[in-house]
Amino acid sequence: MAEDLGMNGNRLMTRAAGALALLALLAGCNGGSGSGVNAAPPLYAQIAQATRASIAKNRMHRAERPPLTRKMLDEIEGSYIEVTLERPDIFAYLSAALVRRDGTPGEVVQWRTEDEVTLTMRNGMLIATRGLGGDLVSADVAVAEGVTGPASGGEKVMYVRTGDLEERRLVLSCDLADLGPAPVEIVELTHPARHLRESCTAEGAAGGRVVNDYWVDSRSGIVWQSRQWAGPHIGYMRIRRLTTG
């Protein structure tokens, strides 16, 4: 299991849990650059009210999720994802802040909150986090132009923050399996998708196994849902695409 990969960062996990609990409150903000929203839409107001109440009772425990409807989501401009940090079961909503291309195949999208906690993905695969403690500094992933999600198995290299100025290099050997059609329902809307599973084993003394799952729509080029490992401190994240802008 992934927990074999050095999960001794209780202090860092406390920081991460506190950060994501705070992020849930940011659903009441304007969603960041590129959202095109000048006033907080109804979704934000409802989410902010519910999460404030639950966090006030016990900040470090799960915030009760307010109900989402497709009608509420249709009123929002911009692209948004819902991210759940599995171990403390705390969630947040992030907006697309930056879309770019570089010298490596694939599209890079940075998702962020107002206080600059970010997740960065390449073709829907997590390659960096910032602001959670024990962050994923960067990752080399198997990508190809025109292919959403992982393009193949092979080696994946992750660089994980272990201290203020220290990084740990993790090398994973991965196999990729196509588990076939698996439509995904997200807030009253069903999306066609195929389920891809990336099964990885850590090389060297670290040992351990990591399994990443992606529900990919090759026609639209969107990873509608995924479960991805962000390193030994953060653990697994569940990510789903709420809106496409």
Protein backbone atom coordinates (compact mmCIF):
# COMPACT_ATOMS: atom_id res chain seq x y z
CA MET A 1 0.00 0.00 0.00
CA ALA A 2 1.05 3.62 -0.43
CA GLU A 3 1.29 3.97 3.34
CA ASP A 4 4.51 1.93 3.18
CA LEU A 5 6.23 4.85 1.44
CA GLY A 6 7.42 6.71 4.53
CA MET A 7 4.17 7.97 6.07
CA ASN A 8 5.68 9.46 9.21
CA GLY A 9 4.66 13.07 8.64
CA ASN A 10 1.93 13.56 11.24
CA ARG A 11 2.83 17.19 11.71
CA LEU A 12 2.71 17.82 7.98
CA MET A 13 -0.62 16.02 7.67
CA THR A 14 -2.06 18.25 10.39
CA ARG A 15 -0.95 21.27 8.39
CA ALA A 16 -2.46 19.79 5.24
CA ALA A 17 -5.76 19.05 6.95
CA GLY A 18 -5.92 22.56 8.37
CA ALA A 19 -5.14 24.06 4.99
CA LEU A 20 -7.89 22.16 3.19
CA ALA A 21 -10.39 22.93 5.93
CA LEU A 22 -9.62 26.59 5.37
CA LEU A 23 -9.88 26.16 1.61
CA ALA A 24 -13.46 25.00 1.89
CA LEU A 25 -14.31 28.44 3.22
CA LEU A 26 -12.94 30.00 0.06
CA ALA A 27 -15.94 28.74 -1.85
CA GLY A 28 -17.43 32.07 -0.78
CA CYS A 29 -14.82 34.01 -2.76
CA ASN A 30 -14.93 35.04 -6.40
CA GLY A 31 -13.11 32.01 -7.77
CA GLY A 32 -9.87 33.66 -8.81
CA SER A 33 -8.60 35.00 -12.09
CA GLY A 34 -10.32 33.98 -15.27
CA SER A 35 -13.63 33.09 -13.64
CA GLY A 36 -15.44 36.11 -15.06
CA VAL A 37 -17.60 36.31 -11.92
CA ASN A 38 -17.89 39.72 -10.28
CA ALA A 39 -20.29 38.73 -7.51
CA ALA A 40 -20.47 35.48 -5.57
CA PRO A 41 -23.04 33.17 -7.24
CA PRO A 42 -25.52 31.17 -5.13
CA LEU A 43 -23.31 28.07 -5.03
CA TYR A 44 -20.57 29.90 -3.18
CA ALA A 45 -22.89 31.41 -0.61
CA GLN A 46 -24.48 28.06 0.22
CA ILE A 47 -21.20 26.17 0.39
CA ALA A 48 -19.54 28.85 2.52
CA GLN A 49 -22.40 28.90 5.03
CA ALA A 50 -22.46 25.11 5.43
CA THR A 51 -18.70 24.67 5.71
CA ARG A 52 -18.29 27.52 8.20
CA ALA A 53 -20.87 25.90 10.47
CA SER A 54 -19.25 22.46 10.33
CA ILE A 55 -15.69 23.71 10.72
CA ALA A 56 -16.72 25.84 13.70
CA LYS A 57 -17.84 22.65 15.48
CA ASN A 58 -14.54 20.86 14.91
CA ARG A 59 -12.05 22.37 12.52
CA MET A 60 -10.00 19.23 11.99
CA HIS A 61 -12.89 16.92 11.16
CA ARG A 62 -14.92 16.43 8.07
CA ALA A 63 -16.89 19.42 6.80
CA GLU A 64 -20.40 18.38 5.86
CA ARG A 65 -20.87 18.83 2.15
CA PRO A 66 -23.70 21.15 1.16
CA PRO A 67 -25.90 19.78 -1.62
CA LEU A 68 -24.89 20.66 -5.16
CA THR A 69 -27.34 20.74 -8.06
CA ARG A 70 -26.70 20.99 -11.75
CA LYS A 71 -28.75 24.18 -11.83
CA MET A 72 -26.40 25.78 -9.31
CA LEU A 73 -23.34 24.70 -11.27
CA ASP A 74 -24.79 25.98 -14.54
CA GLU A 75 -24.87 29.48 -13.06
CA ILE A 76 -21.10 29.54 -12.58
CA GLU A 77 -18.68 30.80 -15.22
CA GLY A 78 -15.26 29.20 -15.46
CA SER A 79 -13.80 25.76 -14.80
CA TYR A 80 -13.93 24.23 -11.31
CA ILE A 81 -12.88 21.01 -9.66
CA GLU A 82 -13.74 19.44 -6.32
CA VAL A 83 -10.78 17.97 -4.46
CA THR A 84 -11.02 15.66 -1.43
CA LEU A 85 -7.99 14.84 0.68
CA GLU A 86 -8.81 11.26 1.66
CA ARG A 87 -7.14 10.69 5.01
CA PRO A 88 -8.83 13.58 6.87
CA ASP A 89 -11.75 13.51 4.39
CA ILE A 90 -11.68 17.27 3.89
CA PHE A 91 -12.64 18.89 0.61
CA ALA A 92 -12.24 22.13 -1.32
CA TYR A 93 -13.25 23.73 -4.61
CA LEU A 94 -10.54 25.10 -6.92
CA SER A 95 -10.75 27.20 -10.07
CA ALA A 96 -8.61 27.04 -13.22
CA ALA A 97 -6.12 29.88 -12.85
CA LEU A 98 -3.61 29.18 -15.62
CA VAL A 99 -3.51 27.06 -18.78
CA ARG A 100 -0.23 26.73 -20.65
CA ARG A 101 2.03 24.54 -22.76
CA ASP A 102 5.76 23.99 -22.42
CA GLY A 103 8.41 21.82 -24.02
CA THR A 104 6.77 18.59 -22.81
CA PRO A 105 3.68 17.13 -24.53
CA GLY A 106 0.32 17.87 -22.97
CA GLU A 107 -1.60 20.80 -21.56
CA VAL A 108 -0.73 22.10 -18.10
CA VAL A 109 -3.54 23.50 -15.93
CA GLN A 110 -3.01 25.11 -12.56
CA TRP A 111 -5.98 25.02 -10.18
CA ARG A 112 -5.96 27.31 -7.17
CA THR A 113 -7.73 28.92 -4.26
CA GLU A 114 -7.63 32.58 -3.28
CA ASP A 115 -4.79 32.04 -0.79
CA GLU A 116 -2.63 30.45 -3.50
CA VAL A 117 -2.89 26.80 -2.54
CA THR A 118 -2.54 25.10 -5.93
CA LEU A 119 -2.75 21.79 -7.76
CA THR A 120 -1.06 21.53 -11.15
CA MET A 121 -1.98 18.86 -13.70
CA ARG A 122 -0.66 17.79 -17.07
CA ASN A 123 -3.32 16.14 -19.26
CA GLY A 124 -5.31 15.54 -16.08
CA MET A 125 -2.43 13.94 -14.14
CA LEU A 126 -1.20 15.55 -10.94
CA ILE A 127 2.33 16.93 -11.28
CA ALA A 128 2.59 19.44 -8.40
CA THR A 129 0.95 20.82 -5.26
CA ARG A 130 1.71 23.92 -3.22
CA GLY A 131 0.57 25.03 0.20
CA LEU A 132 -0.44 21.69 1.76
CA GLY A 133 2.75 20.71 3.57
CA GLY A 134 4.82 17.77 2.35
CA ASP A 135 4.02 19.01 -1.15
CA LEU A 136 4.58 17.26 -4.44
CA VAL A 137 7.25 19.55 -5.88
CA SER A 138 7.11 18.08 -9.38
CA ALA A 139 6.49 14.83 -11.25
CA ASP A 140 7.52 13.34 -14.57
CA VAL A 141 4.51 11.52 -16.03
CA ALA A 142 3.81 9.54 -19.20
CA VAL A 143 2.00 11.90 -21.57
CA ALA A 144 1.44 12.20 -25.31
CA GLU A 145 -0.16 14.83 -27.51
CA GLY A 146 -3.82 14.14 -28.08
CA VAL A 147 -4.01 11.58 -25.26
CA THR A 148 -5.87 12.50 -22.08
CA GLY A 149 -4.62 10.95 -18.86
CA PRO A 150 -1.65 8.58 -18.79
CA ALA A 151 -0.46 7.61 -22.26
CA SER A 152 1.41 4.47 -21.21
CA GLY A 153 3.01 2.61 -18.35
CA GLY A 154 6.66 2.97 -17.49
CA GLU A 155 8.65 5.04 -15.06
CA LYS A 156 7.15 7.89 -13.04
CA VAL A 157 9.46 10.12 -10.99
CA MET A 158 8.08 12.21 -8.12
CA TYR A 159 9.91 14.85 -6.08
CA VAL A 160 8.32 15.30 -2.65
CA ARG A 161 9.04 18.00 -0.08
CA THR A 162 10.38 16.53 3.17
CA GLY A 163 11.58 19.75 4.83
CA ASP A 164 11.82 23.46 4.18
CA LEU A 165 14.73 22.99 1.77
CA GLU A 166 14.74 19.24 1.27
CA GLU A 167 13.22 17.02 -1.39
CA ARG A 168 12.89 13.26 -1.71
CA ARG A 169 13.04 11.53 -5.09
CA LEU A 170 10.61 8.65 -5.55
CA VAL A 171 10.86 6.42 -8.62
CA LEU A 172 7.76 4.38 -9.48
CA SER A 173 7.51 1.61 -12.05
CA CYS A 174 3.98 1.66 -13.43
CA ASP A 175 1.71 -0.54 -15.53
CA LEU A 176 -1.34 0.92 -17.26
CA ALA A 177 -4.58 -1.02 -17.74
CA ASP A 178 -7.70 0.01 -19.66
CA LEU A 179 -10.62 -1.33 -17.61
CA GLY A 180 -13.17 -0.42 -20.27
CA PRO A 181 -16.17 1.90 -20.50
CA ALA A 182 -17.26 3.36 -17.15
CA PRO A 183 -19.63 6.35 -17.40
CA VAL A 184 -19.24 8.87 -14.59
CA GLU A 185 -22.14 10.68 -12.89
CA ILE A 186 -21.22 14.10 -11.50
CA VAL A 187 -24.02 16.16 -9.97
CA GLU A 188 -26.95 14.96 -12.07
CA LEU A 189 -24.96 14.70 -15.31
CA THR A 190 -23.51 11.47 -16.73
CA HIS A 191 -20.33 11.67 -18.81
CA PRO A 192 -19.01 8.93 -21.12
CA ALA A 193 -15.61 7.73 -19.93
CA ARG A 194 -13.14 4.88 -19.89
CA HIS A 195 -11.55 3.73 -16.65
CA LEU A 196 -7.75 3.71 -16.76
CA ARG A 197 -5.77 2.25 -13.86
CA GLU A 198 -2.12 3.00 -13.22
CA SER A 199 -0.55 0.44 -10.85
CA CYS A 200 2.88 1.46 -9.58
CA THR A 201 5.59 -0.03 -7.39
CA ALA A 202 8.25 2.08 -5.71
CA GLU A 203 11.81 1.18 -6.55
CA GLY A 204 14.56 0.78 -3.98
CA ALA A 205 14.24 0.70 -0.21
CA ALA A 206 11.00 2.69 -0.14
CA GLY A 207 8.92 -0.23 -1.38
CA GLY A 208 5.15 0.05 -1.41
CA ARG A 209 2.45 0.18 -4.06
CA VAL A 210 0.43 3.05 -5.50
CA VAL A 211 -2.74 2.79 -7.60
CA ASN A 212 -4.04 5.79 -9.54
CA ASP A 213 -7.45 5.70 -11.26
CA TYR A 214 -8.66 7.97 -14.07
CA TRP A 215 -12.06 8.23 -15.75
CA VAL A 216 -11.24 9.72 -19.13
CA ASP A 217 -13.44 11.06 -21.94
CA SER A 218 -11.20 10.83 -25.00
CA ARG A 219 -13.71 12.71 -27.15
CA SER A 220 -13.80 15.85 -25.03
CA GLY A 221 -10.23 15.53 -23.75
CA ILE A 222 -11.37 15.71 -20.11
CA VAL A 223 -10.51 13.58 -17.11
CA TRP A 224 -13.88 13.77 -15.37
CA GLN A 225 -12.79 12.01 -12.22
CA SER A 226 -9.61 10.61 -10.73
CA ARG A 227 -8.01 9.26 -7.58
CA GLN A 228 -4.33 10.16 -7.47
CA TRP A 229 -1.51 9.77 -4.97
CA ALA A 230 0.28 13.02 -4.12
CA GLY A 231 3.10 11.56 -2.00
CA PRO A 232 3.55 9.98 1.45
CA HIS A 233 2.48 13.06 3.42
CA ILE A 234 -0.59 14.19 1.48
CA GLY A 235 -1.70 10.72 0.41
CA TYR A 236 -4.55 10.15 -2.04
CA MET A 237 -6.73 12.87 -3.53
CA ARG A 238 -10.10 12.34 -5.15
CA ILE A 239 -10.71 14.87 -7.89
CA ARG A 240 -13.79 15.46 -10.00
CA ARG A 241 -14.53 18.05 -12.64
CA LEU A 242 -17.62 20.08 -11.79
CA THR A 243 -17.70 22.62 -14.64
CA THR A 244 -15.83 23.16 -17.88
CA GLY A 245 -16.11 26.94 -18.28
